[in-house]
Structures are given as structure tokens and as C-alpha cells.
Amino acid sequence: MSSTNSTRTAAGAPARTLAGRNRAAKVSAFFTLSGVAFLANFATGIAWINPGIFVGLATLCALIAIPAGHVGRFRGRRMDGEGRGLALASILAGWLVLFLCLLALLAFVGLVAGLAVLTDHA
């Protein structure tokens, strides 16, 4: 038994971890969870101090997570499926975070436009 891979299955094959050697899938999952965490700060109230920063950081994390997830899916195909599911989940969640950030931006623009119309007619 080698010192680098001490965990083995009953058949003697190395045990497969969540993403194993697929580092791109892990990076994608990290940035996806970071984007979700930035958006979750709106529930705690801390993000309402400066919402533009939190939405911007969530958008940036999603824009990093999506391409990294695609790289993780490609590498997972070469590594016999290792980390492909994690990369797919990260891609889908990254698109969801990006969609929510777009909705927040549209709501802000609509609010500013509505206030501009109200003050223009006053």
C-alpha cells in the first residue's frame, strides 16, 4: 500500500473521493459556493449596507465558476468520470447565481428609473 493513497476499497482499488484529482471541479465548486454565500448575506442584513459590492462579487464568482466547471467536466471525462458530477452541479449553480444577480441588477435599474419618472413629474 502506497503512502500517498492509503484509503482503498474492498477490491483493492483506490477509493474515489468527491472530486479526487480533478482540481478544476473543486475550484468551480469553491467559487459557486462563494457566490451563493455573497447572495446569502442579504438574508442576514449585512449586504444591505452596500448591495452593489455583494452582487458584484457574486457575479464575479459565478463568472469564474462556470468556465472552471466546464474545464472540470472536460478533465473528468479524461479521468474516467472523476469529479464530473461536482463540476456539473457547479455549472448549474453558477448559472443560477448569475441569473439572480441579473435580476437584482434589473430591479435596481427599474427602481432608479421609476424614481426618476416620479421626480420628473413632480
C-alpha atoms as a PDB file:
ATOM      1  CA  MET A   1       0.000   0.000   0.000  1.00  0.00           C
ATOM      2  CA  SER A   2       1.451   3.382  -1.008  1.00  0.00           C
ATOM      3  CA  SER A   3       1.836   6.227   1.427  1.00  0.00           C
ATOM      4  CA  THR A   4       0.095   8.733  -0.833  1.00  0.00           C
ATOM      5  CA  ASN A   5      -3.101   6.714  -1.215  1.00  0.00           C
ATOM      6  CA  SER A   6      -3.748   4.789   1.968  1.00  0.00           C
ATOM      7  CA  THR A   7      -7.521   4.520   1.518  1.00  0.00           C
ATOM      8  CA  ARG A   8      -8.548   1.536  -0.589  1.00  0.00           C
ATOM      9  CA  THR A   9     -11.811  -0.188  -1.339  1.00  0.00           C
ATOM     10  CA  ALA A  10     -12.507  -3.873  -0.707  1.00  0.00           C
ATOM     11  CA  ALA A  11     -11.412  -4.725  -4.251  1.00  0.00           C
ATOM     12  CA  GLY A  12      -8.046  -3.062  -3.662  1.00  0.00           C
ATOM     13  CA  ALA A  13      -8.715  -0.144  -5.988  1.00  0.00           C
ATOM     14  CA  PRO A  14      -8.061   3.377  -4.740  1.00  0.00           C
ATOM     15  CA  ALA A  15     -11.094   4.954  -3.122  1.00  0.00           C
ATOM     16  CA  ARG A  16     -12.697   7.749  -5.112  1.00  0.00           C
ATOM     17  CA  THR A  17     -13.238  10.989  -3.269  1.00  0.00           C
ATOM     18  CA  LEU A  18     -15.740  13.726  -4.044  1.00  0.00           C
ATOM     19  CA  ALA A  19     -13.640  15.246  -6.827  1.00  0.00           C
ATOM     20  CA  GLY A  20     -10.360  13.382  -6.400  1.00  0.00           C
ATOM     21  CA  ARG A  21      -7.661  14.757  -8.619  1.00  0.00           C
ATOM     22  CA  ASN A  22      -9.998  16.993 -10.610  1.00  0.00           C
ATOM     23  CA  ARG A  23      -8.858  20.331  -9.237  1.00  0.00           C
ATOM     24  CA  ALA A  24     -10.898  22.361 -11.734  1.00  0.00           C
ATOM     25  CA  ALA A  25     -14.101  20.824 -10.369  1.00  0.00           C
ATOM     26  CA  LYS A  26     -13.044  21.768  -6.840  1.00  0.00           C
ATOM     27  CA  VAL A  27     -12.246  25.343  -7.902  1.00  0.00           C
ATOM     28  CA  SER A  28     -15.596  25.615  -9.633  1.00  0.00           C
ATOM     29  CA  ALA A  29     -17.412  24.364  -6.541  1.00  0.00           C
ATOM     30  CA  PHE A  30     -15.490  26.796  -4.322  1.00  0.00           C
ATOM     31  CA  PHE A  31     -16.399  29.816  -6.429  1.00  0.00           C
ATOM     32  CA  THR A  32     -20.010  28.697  -6.788  1.00  0.00           C
ATOM     33  CA  LEU A  33     -20.373  28.358  -3.036  1.00  0.00           C
ATOM     34  CA  SER A  34     -18.683  31.728  -2.576  1.00  0.00           C
ATOM     35  CA  GLY A  35     -21.206  33.339  -4.917  1.00  0.00           C
ATOM     36  CA  VAL A  36     -24.068  31.722  -3.040  1.00  0.00           C
ATOM     37  CA  ALA A  37     -22.567  32.953   0.236  1.00  0.00           C
ATOM     38  CA  PHE A  38     -22.371  36.530  -1.080  1.00  0.00           C
ATOM     39  CA  LEU A  39     -26.036  36.400  -2.038  1.00  0.00           C
ATOM     40  CA  ALA A  40     -26.975  34.732   1.257  1.00  0.00           C
ATOM     41  CA  ASN A  41     -25.669  37.786   3.088  1.00  0.00           C
ATOM     42  CA  PHE A  42     -28.814  39.596   2.004  1.00  0.00           C
ATOM     43  CA  ALA A  43     -30.768  37.337   4.368  1.00  0.00           C
ATOM     44  CA  THR A  44     -28.560  38.361   7.289  1.00  0.00           C
ATOM     45  CA  GLY A  45     -28.866  42.061   6.551  1.00  0.00           C
ATOM     46  CA  ILE A  46     -25.175  42.864   6.270  1.00  0.00           C
ATOM     47  CA  ALA A  47     -25.318  43.065   2.476  1.00  0.00           C
ATOM     48  CA  TRP A  48     -27.951  45.789   2.572  1.00  0.00           C
ATOM     49  CA  ILE A  49     -25.266  48.259   3.694  1.00  0.00           C
ATOM     50  CA  ASN A  50     -23.744  48.204   0.191  1.00  0.00           C
ATOM     51  CA  PRO A  51     -25.592  45.733  -2.029  1.00  0.00           C
ATOM     52  CA  GLY A  52     -23.614  46.586  -5.156  1.00  0.00           C
ATOM     53  CA  ILE A  53     -20.441  45.080  -3.723  1.00  0.00           C
ATOM     54  CA  PHE A  54     -22.117  41.811  -2.763  1.00  0.00           C
ATOM     55  CA  VAL A  55     -23.958  41.428  -6.062  1.00  0.00           C
ATOM     56  CA  GLY A  56     -20.767  42.327  -7.942  1.00  0.00           C
ATOM     57  CA  LEU A  57     -18.694  39.781  -6.038  1.00  0.00           C
ATOM     58  CA  ALA A  58     -21.361  37.110  -6.549  1.00  0.00           C
ATOM     59  CA  THR A  59     -21.346  37.879 -10.283  1.00  0.00           C
ATOM     60  CA  LEU A  60     -17.558  37.656 -10.408  1.00  0.00           C
ATOM     61  CA  CYS A  61     -17.607  34.313  -8.574  1.00  0.00           C
ATOM     62  CA  ALA A  62     -20.232  32.952 -10.973  1.00  0.00           C
ATOM     63  CA  LEU A  63     -18.229  34.130 -13.984  1.00  0.00           C
ATOM     64  CA  ILE A  64     -15.223  32.211 -12.659  1.00  0.00           C
ATOM     65  CA  ALA A  65     -17.201  29.122 -11.613  1.00  0.00           C
ATOM     66  CA  ILE A  66     -18.894  28.487 -14.957  1.00  0.00           C
ATOM     67  CA  PRO A  67     -15.760  28.164 -17.147  1.00  0.00           C
ATOM     68  CA  ALA A  68     -13.922  26.301 -14.390  1.00  0.00           C
ATOM     69  CA  GLY A  69     -16.850  23.882 -14.219  1.00  0.00           C
ATOM     70  CA  HIS A  70     -16.638  23.265 -17.939  1.00  0.00           C
ATOM     71  CA  VAL A  71     -12.917  22.582 -17.624  1.00  0.00           C
ATOM     72  CA  GLY A  72     -13.698  20.218 -14.734  1.00  0.00           C
ATOM     73  CA  ARG A  73     -16.246  18.353 -16.878  1.00  0.00           C
ATOM     74  CA  PHE A  74     -13.688  18.003 -19.678  1.00  0.00           C
ATOM     75  CA  ARG A  75     -10.983  16.793 -17.301  1.00  0.00           C
ATOM     76  CA  GLY A  76     -13.445  14.437 -15.639  1.00  0.00           C
ATOM     77  CA  ARG A  77     -14.117  12.816 -18.987  1.00  0.00           C
ATOM     78  CA  ARG A  78     -10.393  12.132 -19.386  1.00  0.00           C
ATOM     79  CA  MET A  79     -10.073  10.880 -15.785  1.00  0.00           C
ATOM     80  CA  ASP A  80     -12.805   8.256 -16.037  1.00  0.00           C
ATOM     81  CA  GLY A  81     -15.640  10.412 -14.711  1.00  0.00           C
ATOM     82  CA  GLU A  82     -13.903  11.705 -11.617  1.00  0.00           C
ATOM     83  CA  GLY A  83     -15.463  14.989 -10.437  1.00  0.00           C
ATOM     84  CA  ARG A  84     -17.843  15.373 -13.376  1.00  0.00           C
ATOM     85  CA  GLY A  85     -20.930  15.492 -11.160  1.00  0.00           C
ATOM     86  CA  LEU A  86     -19.417  18.145  -8.901  1.00  0.00           C
ATOM     87  CA  ALA A  87     -18.460  20.208 -11.940  1.00  0.00           C
ATOM     88  CA  LEU A  88     -21.967  19.898 -13.413  1.00  0.00           C
ATOM     89  CA  ALA A  89     -23.565  20.969 -10.136  1.00  0.00           C
ATOM     90  CA  SER A  90     -21.191  23.933 -10.008  1.00  0.00           C
ATOM     91  CA  ILE A  91     -22.034  24.950 -13.564  1.00  0.00           C
ATOM     92  CA  LEU A  92     -25.777  24.850 -12.876  1.00  0.00           C
ATOM     93  CA  ALA A  93     -25.479  26.704  -9.576  1.00  0.00           C
ATOM     94  CA  GLY A  94     -23.140  29.244 -11.193  1.00  0.00           C
ATOM     95  CA  TRP A  95     -25.734  29.995 -13.870  1.00  0.00           C
ATOM     96  CA  LEU A  96     -28.394  30.302 -11.160  1.00  0.00           C
ATOM     97  CA  VAL A  97     -26.250  32.786  -9.214  1.00  0.00           C
ATOM     98  CA  LEU A  98     -25.612  34.749 -12.410  1.00  0.00           C
ATOM     99  CA  PHE A  99     -29.361  34.807 -13.139  1.00  0.00           C
ATOM    100  CA  LEU A 100     -30.139  36.069  -9.629  1.00  0.00           C
ATOM    101  CA  CYS A 101     -27.503  38.785  -9.963  1.00  0.00           C
ATOM    102  CA  LEU A 102     -29.042  39.847 -13.271  1.00  0.00           C
ATOM    103  CA  LEU A 103     -32.470  40.025 -11.629  1.00  0.00           C
ATOM    104  CA  ALA A 104     -31.035  42.157  -8.816  1.00  0.00           C
ATOM    105  CA  LEU A 105     -29.429  44.493 -11.339  1.00  0.00           C
ATOM    106  CA  LEU A 106     -32.679  44.796 -13.303  1.00  0.00           C
ATOM    107  CA  ALA A 107     -34.605  45.503 -10.092  1.00  0.00           C
ATOM    108  CA  PHE A 108     -32.147  48.243  -9.177  1.00  0.00           C
ATOM    109  CA  VAL A 109     -32.302  49.818 -12.641  1.00  0.00           C
ATOM    110  CA  GLY A 110     -36.108  49.626 -12.547  1.00  0.00           C
ATOM    111  CA  LEU A 111     -36.160  51.273  -9.131  1.00  0.00           C
ATOM    112  CA  VAL A 112     -33.912  54.114 -10.275  1.00  0.00           C
ATOM    113  CA  ALA A 113     -35.917  54.573 -13.475  1.00  0.00           C
ATOM    114  CA  GLY A 114     -39.177  54.585 -11.550  1.00  0.00           C
ATOM    115  CA  LEU A 115     -37.878  57.150  -9.087  1.00  0.00           C
ATOM    116  CA  ALA A 116     -36.626  59.287 -11.977  1.00  0.00           C
ATOM    117  CA  VAL A 117     -40.082  59.242 -13.561  1.00  0.00           C
ATOM    118  CA  LEU A 118     -41.734  60.122 -10.249  1.00  0.00           C
ATOM    119  CA  THR A 119     -39.418  63.047  -9.556  1.00  0.00           C
ATOM    120  CA  ASP A 120     -39.623  64.283 -13.151  1.00  0.00           C
ATOM    121  CA  HIS A 121     -43.417  64.691 -12.985  1.00  0.00           C
ATOM    122  CA  ALA A 122     -43.439  66.320  -9.559  1.00  0.00           C
END
